[in-house]
Amino acid sequence: MNFEEEINNIKARNQRVEADKAWETSAFRLVTLSVATFIFSALFVYLVQADEILLSALSSTAGLIISSQSLPFIKKWWIKNRYAR
């Protein structure tokens, strides 16, 4: 493999990594996951015939949002403790 091809492979990999990172931190991802969680939670609560279906489903969605927003702090802590030696 020549240097030019190797550099192009590295650039392509970097673009994939940047795209993955952009997706993981995007508001679109958070909203999509929240909506999906809300729909599935509402359906589940409806199937088990609980009262206050939408309010019950909203609690799961709020939990998802809170946990999604706290993950960057947990990730930083984990990386620091795992690789800082």
PDB file of N, CA and C in Angstrom:
ATOM      1  N   MET A   1       0.849  -1.178   0.000  1.00  0.00           N
ATOM      2  CA  MET A   1       0.000   0.000   0.000  1.00  0.00           C
ATOM      3  C   MET A   1       0.900   1.248   0.000  1.00  0.00           C
ATOM      4  N   ASN A   2       0.622   2.188  -0.897  1.00  0.00           N
ATOM      5  CA  ASN A   2       1.447   3.384  -0.948  1.00  0.00           C
ATOM      6  C   ASN A   2       0.945   4.442   0.044  1.00  0.00           C
ATOM      7  N   PHE A   3       1.770   5.444   0.233  1.00  0.00           N
ATOM      8  CA  PHE A   3       1.457   6.471   1.231  1.00  0.00           C
ATOM      9  C   PHE A   3       0.173   7.233   0.914  1.00  0.00           C
ATOM     10  N   GLU A   4      -0.049   7.536  -0.344  1.00  0.00           N
ATOM     11  CA  GLU A   4      -1.243   8.292  -0.736  1.00  0.00           C
ATOM     12  C   GLU A   4      -2.517   7.492  -0.410  1.00  0.00           C
ATOM     13  N   GLU A   5      -2.490   6.229  -0.715  1.00  0.00           N
ATOM     14  CA  GLU A   5      -3.648   5.374  -0.420  1.00  0.00           C
ATOM     15  C   GLU A   5      -3.854   5.248   1.096  1.00  0.00           C
ATOM     16  N   GLU A   6      -2.774   5.134   1.819  1.00  0.00           N
ATOM     17  CA  GLU A   6      -2.843   5.047   3.277  1.00  0.00           C
ATOM     18  C   GLU A   6      -3.424   6.327   3.876  1.00  0.00           C
ATOM     19  N   ILE A   7      -2.996   7.464   3.373  1.00  0.00           N
ATOM     20  CA  ILE A   7      -3.520   8.754   3.841  1.00  0.00           C
ATOM     21  C   ILE A   7      -5.007   8.866   3.535  1.00  0.00           C
ATOM     22  N   ASN A   8      -5.418   8.435   2.337  1.00  0.00           N
ATOM     23  CA  ASN A   8      -6.839   8.471   1.972  1.00  0.00           C
ATOM     24  C   ASN A   8      -7.669   7.563   2.876  1.00  0.00           C
ATOM     25  N   ASN A   9      -7.117   6.403   3.236  1.00  0.00           N
ATOM     26  CA  ASN A   9      -7.818   5.510   4.156  1.00  0.00           C
ATOM     27  C   ASN A   9      -7.982   6.143   5.534  1.00  0.00           C
ATOM     28  N   ILE A  10      -6.950   6.821   6.003  1.00  0.00           N
ATOM     29  CA  ILE A  10      -7.008   7.501   7.303  1.00  0.00           C
ATOM     30  C   ILE A  10      -8.032   8.632   7.265  1.00  0.00           C
ATOM     31  N   LYS A  11      -8.050   9.389   6.182  1.00  0.00           N
ATOM     32  CA  LYS A  11      -9.027  10.474   6.049  1.00  0.00           C
ATOM     33  C   LYS A  11     -10.455   9.935   6.036  1.00  0.00           C
ATOM     34  N   ALA A  12     -10.671   8.837   5.332  1.00  0.00           N
ATOM     35  CA  ALA A  12     -12.005   8.235   5.281  1.00  0.00           C
ATOM     36  C   ALA A  12     -12.430   7.750   6.666  1.00  0.00           C
ATOM     37  N   ARG A  13     -11.507   7.148   7.382  1.00  0.00           N
ATOM     38  CA  ARG A  13     -11.811   6.693   8.743  1.00  0.00           C
ATOM     39  C   ARG A  13     -12.138   7.880   9.653  1.00  0.00           C
ATOM     40  N   ASN A  14     -11.365   8.930   9.545  1.00  0.00           N
ATOM     41  CA  ASN A  14     -11.621  10.121  10.363  1.00  0.00           C
ATOM     42  C   ASN A  14     -13.003  10.701  10.083  1.00  0.00           C
ATOM     43  N   GLN A  15     -13.412  10.701   8.827  1.00  0.00           N
ATOM     44  CA  GLN A  15     -14.747  11.199   8.479  1.00  0.00           C
ATOM     45  C   GLN A  15     -15.831  10.330   9.110  1.00  0.00           C
ATOM     46  N   ARG A  16     -15.640   9.008   9.094  1.00  0.00           N
ATOM     47  CA  ARG A  16     -16.621   8.107   9.722  1.00  0.00           C
ATOM     48  C   ARG A  16     -16.701   8.350  11.222  1.00  0.00           C
ATOM     49  N   VAL A  17     -15.569   8.529  11.850  1.00  0.00           N
ATOM     50  CA  VAL A  17     -15.531   8.764  13.291  1.00  0.00           C
ATOM     51  C   VAL A  17     -16.211  10.088  13.625  1.00  0.00           C
ATOM     52  N   GLU A  18     -15.923  11.121  12.855  1.00  0.00           N
ATOM     53  CA  GLU A  18     -16.553  12.429  13.084  1.00  0.00           C
ATOM     54  C   GLU A  18     -18.057  12.362  12.882  1.00  0.00           C
ATOM     55  N   ALA A  19     -18.498  11.618  11.885  1.00  0.00           N
ATOM     56  CA  ALA A  19     -19.933  11.477  11.638  1.00  0.00           C
ATOM     57  C   ALA A  19     -20.608  10.722  12.775  1.00  0.00           C
ATOM     58  N   ASP A  20     -19.981   9.656  13.246  1.00  0.00           N
ATOM     59  CA  ASP A  20     -20.533   8.909  14.379  1.00  0.00           C
ATOM     60  C   ASP A  20     -20.642   9.790  15.618  1.00  0.00           C
ATOM     61  N   LYS A  21     -19.625  10.581  15.865  1.00  0.00           N
ATOM     62  CA  LYS A  21     -19.635  11.481  17.022  1.00  0.00           C
ATOM     63  C   LYS A  21     -20.726  12.536  16.868  1.00  0.00           C
ATOM     64  N   ALA A  22     -20.868  13.075  15.681  1.00  0.00           N
ATOM     65  CA  ALA A  22     -21.903  14.088  15.439  1.00  0.00           C
ATOM     66  C   ALA A  22     -23.290  13.497  15.677  1.00  0.00           C
ATOM     67  N   TRP A  23     -23.509  12.259  15.248  1.00  0.00           N
ATOM     68  CA  TRP A  23     -24.802  11.603  15.467  1.00  0.00           C
ATOM     69  C   TRP A  23     -25.053  11.410  16.958  1.00  0.00           C
ATOM     70  N   GLU A  24     -24.052  10.934  17.667  1.00  0.00           N
ATOM     71  CA  GLU A  24     -24.243  10.651  19.092  1.00  0.00           C
ATOM     72  C   GLU A  24     -24.546  11.901  19.903  1.00  0.00           C
ATOM     73  N   THR A  25     -24.074  13.040  19.452  1.00  0.00           N
ATOM     74  CA  THR A  25     -24.286  14.274  20.214  1.00  0.00           C
ATOM     75  C   THR A  25     -25.398  15.145  19.638  1.00  0.00           C
ATOM     76  N   SER A  26     -26.091  14.658  18.612  1.00  0.00           N
ATOM     77  CA  SER A  26     -27.086  15.498  17.950  1.00  0.00           C
ATOM     78  C   SER A  26     -28.407  15.563  18.714  1.00  0.00           C
ATOM     79  N   ALA A  27     -29.052  16.697  18.615  1.00  0.00           N
ATOM     80  CA  ALA A  27     -30.380  16.876  19.201  1.00  0.00           C
ATOM     81  C   ALA A  27     -31.389  15.990  18.479  1.00  0.00           C
ATOM     82  N   PHE A  28     -31.187  15.767  17.208  1.00  0.00           N
ATOM     83  CA  PHE A  28     -32.082  14.906  16.441  1.00  0.00           C
ATOM     84  C   PHE A  28     -32.110  13.499  17.025  1.00  0.00           C
ATOM     85  N   ARG A  29     -30.960  12.961  17.387  1.00  0.00           N
ATOM     86  CA  ARG A  29     -30.884  11.628  17.989  1.00  0.00           C
ATOM     87  C   ARG A  29     -31.645  11.606  19.307  1.00  0.00           C
ATOM     88  N   LEU A  30     -31.432  12.614  20.127  1.00  0.00           N
ATOM     89  CA  LEU A  30     -32.116  12.673  21.423  1.00  0.00           C
ATOM     90  C   LEU A  30     -33.629  12.753  21.249  1.00  0.00           C
ATOM     91  N   VAL A  31     -34.086  13.596  20.334  1.00  0.00           N
ATOM     92  CA  VAL A  31     -35.525  13.733  20.091  1.00  0.00           C
ATOM     93  C   VAL A  31     -36.103  12.429  19.536  1.00  0.00           C
ATOM     94  N   THR A  32     -35.401  11.815  18.601  1.00  0.00           N
ATOM     95  CA  THR A  32     -35.864  10.556  18.018  1.00  0.00           C
ATOM     96  C   THR A  32     -36.000   9.471  19.084  1.00  0.00           C
ATOM     97  N   LEU A  33     -34.988   9.331  19.914  1.00  0.00           N
ATOM     98  CA  LEU A  33     -35.049   8.337  20.983  1.00  0.00           C
ATOM     99  C   LEU A  33     -36.156   8.648  21.980  1.00  0.00           C
ATOM    100  N   SER A  34     -36.331   9.927  22.274  1.00  0.00           N
ATOM    101  CA  SER A  34     -37.379  10.331  23.223  1.00  0.00           C
ATOM    102  C   SER A  34     -38.765  10.018  22.680  1.00  0.00           C
ATOM    103  N   VAL A  35     -39.001  10.345  21.429  1.00  0.00           N
ATOM    104  CA  VAL A  35     -40.310  10.087  20.814  1.00  0.00           C
ATOM    105  C   VAL A  35     -40.575   8.579  20.757  1.00  0.00           C
ATOM    106  N   ALA A  36     -39.586   7.817  20.346  1.00  0.00           N
ATOM    107  CA  ALA A  36     -39.751   6.363  20.272  1.00  0.00           C
ATOM    108  C   ALA A  36     -40.024   5.777  21.658  1.00  0.00           C
ATOM    109  N   THR A  37     -39.298   6.253  22.652  1.00  0.00           N
ATOM    110  CA  THR A  37     -39.517   5.777  24.019  1.00  0.00           C
ATOM    111  C   THR A  37     -40.917   6.126  24.489  1.00  0.00           C
ATOM    112  N   PHE A  38     -41.353   7.342  24.194  1.00  0.00           N
ATOM    113  CA  PHE A  38     -42.693   7.771  24.600  1.00  0.00           C
ATOM    114  C   PHE A  38     -43.762   6.892  23.956  1.00  0.00           C
ATOM    115  N   ILE A  39     -43.636   6.628  22.663  1.00  0.00           N
ATOM    116  CA  ILE A  39     -44.627   5.815  21.948  1.00  0.00           C
ATOM    117  C   ILE A  39     -44.673   4.397  22.512  1.00  0.00           C
ATOM    118  N   PHE A  40     -43.519   3.777  22.669  1.00  0.00           N
ATOM    119  CA  PHE A  40     -43.494   2.418  23.187  1.00  0.00           C
ATOM    120  C   PHE A  40     -43.964   2.360  24.633  1.00  0.00           C
ATOM    121  N   SER A  41     -43.606   3.354  25.429  1.00  0.00           N
ATOM    122  CA  SER A  41     -44.068   3.377  26.818  1.00  0.00           C
ATOM    123  C   SER A  41     -45.574   3.562  26.883  1.00  0.00           C
ATOM    124  N   ALA A  42     -46.109   4.453  26.061  1.00  0.00           N
ATOM    125  CA  ALA A  42     -47.561   4.686  26.041  1.00  0.00           C
ATOM    126  C   ALA A  42     -48.293   3.415  25.625  1.00  0.00           C
ATOM    127  N   LEU A  43     -47.773   2.731  24.621  1.00  0.00           N
ATOM    128  CA  LEU A  43     -48.390   1.487  24.170  1.00  0.00           C
ATOM    129  C   LEU A  43     -48.357   0.429  25.275  1.00  0.00           C
ATOM    130  N   PHE A  44     -47.227   0.301  25.937  1.00  0.00           N
ATOM    131  CA  PHE A  44     -47.110  -0.671  27.022  1.00  0.00           C
ATOM    132  C   PHE A  44     -48.075  -0.354  28.154  1.00  0.00           C
ATOM    133  N   VAL A  45     -48.112   0.901  28.567  1.00  0.00           N
ATOM    134  CA  VAL A  45     -48.997   1.300  29.664  1.00  0.00           C
ATOM    135  C   VAL A  45     -50.454   1.077  29.261  1.00  0.00           C
ATOM    136  N   TYR A  46     -50.789   1.335  28.008  1.00  0.00           N
ATOM    137  CA  TYR A  46     -52.145   1.089  27.518  1.00  0.00           C
ATOM    138  C   TYR A  46     -52.476  -0.409  27.571  1.00  0.00           C
ATOM    139  N   LEU A  47     -51.523  -1.233  27.143  1.00  0.00           N
ATOM    140  CA  LEU A  47     -51.764  -2.680  27.125  1.00  0.00           C
ATOM    141  C   LEU A  47     -51.956  -3.256  28.530  1.00  0.00           C
ATOM    142  N   VAL A  48     -51.268  -2.676  29.507  1.00  0.00           N
ATOM    143  CA  VAL A  48     -51.447  -3.164  30.883  1.00  0.00           C
ATOM    144  C   VAL A  48     -52.566  -2.414  31.591  1.00  0.00           C
ATOM    145  N   GLN A  49     -53.239  -1.540  30.859  1.00  0.00           N
ATOM    146  CA  GLN A  49     -54.423  -0.816  31.314  1.00  0.00           C
ATOM    147  C   GLN A  49     -54.177   0.027  32.567  1.00  0.00           C
ATOM    148  N   ALA A  50     -53.099   0.763  32.563  1.00  0.00           N
ATOM    149  CA  ALA A  50     -52.799   1.667  33.671  1.00  0.00           C
ATOM    150  C   ALA A  50     -53.548   2.974  33.491  1.00  0.00           C
ATOM    151  N   ASP A  51     -53.765   3.676  34.580  1.00  0.00           N
ATOM    152  CA  ASP A  51     -54.375   5.006  34.519  1.00  0.00           C
ATOM    153  C   ASP A  51     -53.335   6.025  34.067  1.00  0.00           C
ATOM    154  N   GLU A  52     -53.797   7.142  33.555  1.00  0.00           N
ATOM    155  CA  GLU A  52     -52.899   8.233  33.141  1.00  0.00           C
ATOM    156  C   GLU A  52     -51.830   7.730  32.166  1.00  0.00           C
ATOM    157  N   ILE A  53     -52.274   7.205  31.033  1.00  0.00           N
ATOM    158  CA  ILE A  53     -51.373   6.576  30.062  1.00  0.00           C
ATOM    159  C   ILE A  53     -50.265   7.517  29.605  1.00  0.00           C
ATOM    160  N   LEU A  54     -50.639   8.699  29.138  1.00  0.00           N
ATOM    161  CA  LEU A  54     -49.626   9.604  28.585  1.00  0.00           C
ATOM    162  C   LEU A  54     -48.688  10.120  29.667  1.00  0.00           C
ATOM    163  N   LEU A  55     -49.208  10.373  30.844  1.00  0.00           N
ATOM    164  CA  LEU A  55     -48.361  10.831  31.943  1.00  0.00           C
ATOM    165  C   LEU A  55     -47.377   9.735  32.344  1.00  0.00           C
ATOM    166  N   SER A  56     -47.821   8.504  32.374  1.00  0.00           N
ATOM    167  CA  SER A  56     -46.936   7.380  32.699  1.00  0.00           C
ATOM    168  C   SER A  56     -45.836   7.231  31.646  1.00  0.00           C
ATOM    169  N   ALA A  57     -46.207   7.368  30.394  1.00  0.00           N
ATOM    170  CA  ALA A  57     -45.217   7.268  29.322  1.00  0.00           C
ATOM    171  C   ALA A  57     -44.228   8.435  29.362  1.00  0.00           C
ATOM    172  N   LEU A  58     -44.714   9.581  29.781  1.00  0.00           N
ATOM    173  CA  LEU A  58     -43.839  10.749  29.872  1.00  0.00           C
ATOM    174  C   LEU A  58     -42.735  10.542  30.905  1.00  0.00           C
ATOM    175  N   SER A  59     -43.018   9.803  31.960  1.00  0.00           N
ATOM    176  CA  SER A  59     -41.990   9.557  32.968  1.00  0.00           C
ATOM    177  C   SER A  59     -40.817   8.765  32.382  1.00  0.00           C
ATOM    178  N   SER A  60     -41.101   7.798  31.523  1.00  0.00           N
ATOM    179  CA  SER A  60     -40.023   7.038  30.872  1.00  0.00           C
ATOM    180  C   SER A  60     -39.211   7.936  29.948  1.00  0.00           C
ATOM    181  N   THR A  61     -39.903   8.801  29.233  1.00  0.00           N
ATOM    182  CA  THR A  61     -39.229   9.712  28.313  1.00  0.00           C
ATOM    183  C   THR A  61     -38.332  10.680  29.075  1.00  0.00           C
ATOM    184  N   ALA A  62     -38.832  11.198  30.187  1.00  0.00           N
ATOM    185  CA  ALA A  62     -38.018  12.101  31.007  1.00  0.00           C
ATOM    186  C   ALA A  62     -36.778  11.377  31.519  1.00  0.00           C
ATOM    187  N   GLY A  63     -36.947  10.133  31.914  1.00  0.00           N
ATOM    188  CA  GLY A  63     -35.799   9.347  32.364  1.00  0.00           C
ATOM    189  C   GLY A  63     -34.768   9.166  31.273  1.00  0.00           C
ATOM    190  N   LEU A  64     -35.243   8.921  30.056  1.00  0.00           N
ATOM    191  CA  LEU A  64     -34.322   8.770  28.925  1.00  0.00           C
ATOM    192  C   LEU A  64     -33.549  10.066  28.676  1.00  0.00           C
ATOM    193  N   ILE A  65     -34.255  11.187  28.683  1.00  0.00           N
ATOM    194  CA  ILE A  65     -33.611  12.478  28.420  1.00  0.00           C
ATOM    195  C   ILE A  65     -32.562  12.768  29.493  1.00  0.00           C
ATOM    196  N   ILE A  66     -32.935  12.569  30.738  1.00  0.00           N
ATOM    197  CA  ILE A  66     -31.992  12.840  31.828  1.00  0.00           C
ATOM    198  C   ILE A  66     -30.776  11.926  31.727  1.00  0.00           C
ATOM    199  N   SER A  67     -31.001  10.651  31.465  1.00  0.00           N
ATOM    200  CA  SER A  67     -29.865   9.731  31.383  1.00  0.00           C
ATOM    201  C   SER A  67     -29.000  10.035  30.166  1.00  0.00           C
ATOM    202  N   SER A  68     -29.623  10.403  29.050  1.00  0.00           N
ATOM    203  CA  SER A  68     -28.848  10.739  27.854  1.00  0.00           C
ATOM    204  C   SER A  68     -27.972  11.955  28.079  1.00  0.00           C
ATOM    205  N   GLN A  69     -28.469  12.900  28.830  1.00  0.00           N
ATOM    206  CA  GLN A  69     -27.703  14.112  29.072  1.00  0.00           C
ATOM    207  C   GLN A  69     -26.599  13.894  30.101  1.00  0.00           C
ATOM    208  N   SER A  70     -26.758  12.901  30.953  1.00  0.00           N
ATOM    209  CA  SER A  70     -25.726  12.654  31.958  1.00  0.00           C
ATOM    210  C   SER A  70     -24.630  11.729  31.438  1.00  0.00           C
ATOM    211  N   LEU A  71     -24.868  11.042  30.341  1.00  0.00           N
ATOM    212  CA  LEU A  71     -23.873  10.106  29.824  1.00  0.00           C
ATOM    213  C   LEU A  71     -22.529  10.739  29.488  1.00  0.00           C
ATOM    214  N   PRO A  72     -22.475  11.958  28.936  1.00  0.00           N
ATOM    215  CA  PRO A  72     -21.151  12.533  28.661  1.00  0.00           C
ATOM    216  C   PRO A  72     -20.284  12.655  29.921  1.00  0.00           C
ATOM    217  N   PHE A  73     -20.896  12.996  31.048  1.00  0.00           N
ATOM    218  CA  PHE A  73     -20.138  13.098  32.291  1.00  0.00           C
ATOM    219  C   PHE A  73     -19.644  11.721  32.735  1.00  0.00           C
ATOM    220  N   ILE A  74     -20.509  10.731  32.617  1.00  0.00           N
ATOM    221  CA  ILE A  74     -20.129   9.373  32.973  1.00  0.00           C
ATOM    222  C   ILE A  74     -19.041   8.874  32.041  1.00  0.00           C
ATOM    223  N   LYS A  75     -19.159   9.172  30.750  1.00  0.00           N
ATOM    224  CA  LYS A  75     -18.153   8.738  29.774  1.00  0.00           C
ATOM    225  C   LYS A  75     -16.793   9.356  30.095  1.00  0.00           C
ATOM    226  N   LYS A  76     -16.773  10.664  30.391  1.00  0.00           N
ATOM    227  CA  LYS A  76     -15.507  11.324  30.719  1.00  0.00           C
ATOM    228  C   LYS A  76     -14.873  10.705  31.964  1.00  0.00           C
ATOM    229  N   TRP A  77     -15.695  10.442  32.979  1.00  0.00           N
ATOM    230  CA  TRP A  77     -15.202   9.838  34.206  1.00  0.00           C
ATOM    231  C   TRP A  77     -14.610   8.468  33.922  1.00  0.00           C
ATOM    232  N   TRP A  78     -15.320   7.671  33.113  1.00  0.00           N
ATOM    233  CA  TRP A  78     -14.872   6.321  32.788  1.00  0.00           C
ATOM    234  C   TRP A  78     -13.547   6.344  32.039  1.00  0.00           C
ATOM    235  N   ILE A  79     -13.442   7.215  31.034  1.00  0.00           N
ATOM    236  CA  ILE A  79     -12.204   7.311  30.253  1.00  0.00           C
ATOM    237  C   ILE A  79     -11.047   7.746  31.145  1.00  0.00           C
ATOM    238  N   LYS A  80     -11.312   8.735  31.988  1.00  0.00           N
ATOM    239  CA  LYS A  80     -10.261   9.231  32.886  1.00  0.00           C
ATOM    240  C   LYS A  80      -9.761   8.122  33.804  1.00  0.00           C
ATOM    241  N   ASN A  81     -10.680   7.366  34.366  1.00  0.00           N
ATOM    242  CA  ASN A  81     -10.294   6.308  35.306  1.00  0.00           C
ATOM    243  C   ASN A  81      -9.759   5.061  34.627  1.00  0.00           C
ATOM    244  N   ARG A  82     -10.141   4.832  33.400  1.00  0.00           N
ATOM    245  CA  ARG A  82      -9.710   3.621  32.708  1.00  0.00           C
ATOM    246  C   ARG A  82      -8.348   3.812  32.022  1.00  0.00           C
ATOM    247  N   TYR A  83      -8.123   4.992  31.454  1.00  0.00           N
ATOM    248  CA  TYR A  83      -6.929   5.197  30.626  1.00  0.00           C
ATOM    249  C   TYR A  83      -5.884   6.107  31.248  1.00  0.00           C
ATOM    250  N   ALA A  84      -6.218   6.809  32.312  1.00  0.00           N
ATOM    251  CA  ALA A  84      -5.249   7.716  32.938  1.00  0.00           C
ATOM    252  C   ALA A  84      -4.400   6.924  33.936  1.00  0.00           C
ATOM    253  N   ARG A  85      -3.322   6.380  33.447  1.00  0.00           N
ATOM    254  CA  ARG A  85      -2.452   5.576  34.317  1.00  0.00           C
ATOM    255  C   ARG A  85      -1.034   6.006  34.168  1.00  0.00           C
TER     256      ARG A  85
END
